[in-house]
Amino acid sequence: VKVSATDADDPTTPNGELRYSLTSPGDTSSFEIDSTTGVISCKINTLDRESQRQYVLVVKAQDMRGMASGSTATTSVTIVIDDINDNLA
């Protein structure tokens, strides 16, 4: 999954350089985000639908290269887990 944001500032200046992060509340133990590309990936090998059907992540985009003085915006990303037949005989 990839998230993206836009900034009206000049992208060649720090004001226009965005950084992404996962914030609470949300499942930050099973997923991670590349701070420059916005690509969300799984940190664990398997996700079991029987134990958790979906994950809700809160993604923050921040300009000024993620510095504390930068403007921020957040959004929720819901990841739904499909079931597979894991009871093969």
C-alpha atoms as a PDB file:
ATOM      1  CA  VAL A   1       0.000   0.000   0.000  1.00  0.00           C
ATOM      2  CA  LYS A   2       1.279   3.473  -0.811  1.00  0.00           C
ATOM      3  CA  VAL A   3      -0.007   6.781   0.503  1.00  0.00           C
ATOM      4  CA  SER A   4       0.805  10.148  -0.986  1.00  0.00           C
ATOM      5  CA  ALA A   5       0.288  13.777  -0.112  1.00  0.00           C
ATOM      6  CA  THR A   6       0.873  17.029  -1.926  1.00  0.00           C
ATOM      7  CA  ASP A   7       2.242  20.334  -0.720  1.00  0.00           C
ATOM      8  CA  ALA A   8       1.794  23.645  -2.529  1.00  0.00           C
ATOM      9  CA  ASP A   9       5.275  24.807  -1.485  1.00  0.00           C
ATOM     10  CA  ASP A  10       8.242  24.529  -3.844  1.00  0.00           C
ATOM     11  CA  PRO A  11       9.287  20.832  -3.729  1.00  0.00           C
ATOM     12  CA  THR A  12      12.961  21.797  -4.053  1.00  0.00           C
ATOM     13  CA  THR A  13      12.885  23.544  -0.658  1.00  0.00           C
ATOM     14  CA  PRO A  14      12.500  21.993   2.813  1.00  0.00           C
ATOM     15  CA  ASN A  15       9.007  23.534   3.039  1.00  0.00           C
ATOM     16  CA  GLY A  16       7.834  21.219   0.266  1.00  0.00           C
ATOM     17  CA  GLU A  17       9.643  18.037   1.330  1.00  0.00           C
ATOM     18  CA  LEU A  18       7.168  15.644   2.939  1.00  0.00           C
ATOM     19  CA  ARG A  19       7.865  12.848   5.395  1.00  0.00           C
ATOM     20  CA  TYR A  20       5.434  10.097   6.368  1.00  0.00           C
ATOM     21  CA  SER A  21       5.022   8.282   9.682  1.00  0.00           C
ATOM     22  CA  LEU A  22       2.587   5.983  11.474  1.00  0.00           C
ATOM     23  CA  THR A  23       1.085   7.443  14.623  1.00  0.00           C
ATOM     24  CA  SER A  24      -1.090   6.283  17.488  1.00  0.00           C
ATOM     25  CA  PRO A  25      -3.802   5.219  17.757  1.00  0.00           C
ATOM     26  CA  GLY A  26      -3.127   2.557  15.215  1.00  0.00           C
ATOM     27  CA  ASP A  27      -1.240  -0.699  14.793  1.00  0.00           C
ATOM     28  CA  THR A  28       2.389   0.340  14.579  1.00  0.00           C
ATOM     29  CA  SER A  29       3.687  -3.055  15.746  1.00  0.00           C
ATOM     30  CA  SER A  30       2.705  -4.998  12.605  1.00  0.00           C
ATOM     31  CA  PHE A  31       3.307  -2.331   9.948  1.00  0.00           C
ATOM     32  CA  GLU A  32       5.892   0.270   8.997  1.00  0.00           C
ATOM     33  CA  ILE A  33       6.019   3.128   6.512  1.00  0.00           C
ATOM     34  CA  ASP A  34       8.906   4.382   4.407  1.00  0.00           C
ATOM     35  CA  SER A  35       9.232   7.995   5.509  1.00  0.00           C
ATOM     36  CA  THR A  36      10.104   9.315   2.051  1.00  0.00           C
ATOM     37  CA  THR A  37       8.032   7.152  -0.318  1.00  0.00           C
ATOM     38  CA  GLY A  38       4.901   6.543   1.773  1.00  0.00           C
ATOM     39  CA  VAL A  39       5.008   2.789   1.112  1.00  0.00           C
ATOM     40  CA  ILE A  40       3.389   0.817   3.938  1.00  0.00           C
ATOM     41  CA  SER A  41       4.716  -2.699   4.482  1.00  0.00           C
ATOM     42  CA  CYS A  42       4.177  -5.523   6.928  1.00  0.00           C
ATOM     43  CA  LYS A  43       6.831  -6.075   9.618  1.00  0.00           C
ATOM     44  CA  ILE A  44       5.725  -9.639  10.374  1.00  0.00           C
ATOM     45  CA  ASN A  45       5.633 -12.739   8.166  1.00  0.00           C
ATOM     46  CA  THR A  46       1.981 -13.674   8.593  1.00  0.00           C
ATOM     47  CA  LEU A  47      -1.284 -11.959   9.411  1.00  0.00           C
ATOM     48  CA  ASP A  48      -4.014 -14.293  10.683  1.00  0.00           C
ATOM     49  CA  ARG A  49      -7.560 -13.292   9.737  1.00  0.00           C
ATOM     50  CA  GLU A  50      -8.960 -15.500  12.501  1.00  0.00           C
ATOM     51  CA  SER A  51      -7.209 -13.385  15.132  1.00  0.00           C
ATOM     52  CA  GLN A  52      -7.666  -9.964  13.505  1.00  0.00           C
ATOM     53  CA  ARG A  53      -9.750  -9.199  10.403  1.00  0.00           C
ATOM     54  CA  GLN A  54      -8.526  -5.673   9.787  1.00  0.00           C
ATOM     55  CA  TYR A  55      -5.945  -3.147  10.863  1.00  0.00           C
ATOM     56  CA  VAL A  56      -6.486   0.594  11.035  1.00  0.00           C
ATOM     57  CA  LEU A  57      -3.359   2.700  10.645  1.00  0.00           C
ATOM     58  CA  VAL A  58      -3.056   6.430  11.178  1.00  0.00           C
ATOM     59  CA  VAL A  59      -0.638   8.005   8.694  1.00  0.00           C
ATOM     60  CA  LYS A  60       0.841  11.447   9.249  1.00  0.00           C
ATOM     61  CA  ALA A  61       2.334  13.536   6.436  1.00  0.00           C
ATOM     62  CA  GLN A  62       4.521  16.420   7.551  1.00  0.00           C
ATOM     63  CA  ASP A  63       6.357  19.041   5.527  1.00  0.00           C
ATOM     64  CA  MET A  64       9.696  20.650   6.458  1.00  0.00           C
ATOM     65  CA  ARG A  65      11.278  17.166   6.123  1.00  0.00           C
ATOM     66  CA  GLY A  66       9.308  16.028   9.173  1.00  0.00           C
ATOM     67  CA  MET A  67      10.749  18.667  11.496  1.00  0.00           C
ATOM     68  CA  ALA A  68       8.617  19.628  14.500  1.00  0.00           C
ATOM     69  CA  SER A  69       7.894  23.057  13.000  1.00  0.00           C
ATOM     70  CA  GLY A  70       6.339  21.523   9.872  1.00  0.00           C
ATOM     71  CA  SER A  71       2.648  21.456   9.049  1.00  0.00           C
ATOM     72  CA  THR A  72       0.941  18.069   9.392  1.00  0.00           C
ATOM     73  CA  ALA A  73      -2.060  16.198   8.081  1.00  0.00           C
ATOM     74  CA  THR A  74      -3.305  12.753   9.088  1.00  0.00           C
ATOM     75  CA  THR A  75      -5.511  10.133   7.510  1.00  0.00           C
ATOM     76  CA  SER A  76      -6.636   6.606   8.353  1.00  0.00           C
ATOM     77  CA  VAL A  77      -5.748   3.579   6.253  1.00  0.00           C
ATOM     78  CA  THR A  78      -7.749   0.378   6.759  1.00  0.00           C
ATOM     79  CA  ILE A  79      -6.112  -2.895   5.736  1.00  0.00           C
ATOM     80  CA  VAL A  80      -8.565  -5.796   5.419  1.00  0.00           C
ATOM     81  CA  ILE A  81      -7.154  -9.324   5.649  1.00  0.00           C
ATOM     82  CA  ASP A  82      -8.524 -11.937   3.235  1.00  0.00           C
ATOM     83  CA  ASP A  83      -8.982 -15.477   4.502  1.00  0.00           C
ATOM     84  CA  ILE A  84      -7.182 -18.442   2.975  1.00  0.00           C
ATOM     85  CA  ASN A  85      -7.717 -22.137   3.542  1.00  0.00           C
ATOM     86  CA  ASP A  86      -5.093 -22.836   6.183  1.00  0.00           C
ATOM     87  CA  ASN A  87      -6.635 -26.191   7.211  1.00  0.00           C
ATOM     88  CA  LEU A  88      -5.387 -28.325   4.340  1.00  0.00           C
ATOM     89  CA  ALA A  89      -5.469 -32.058   4.965  1.00  0.00           C
END
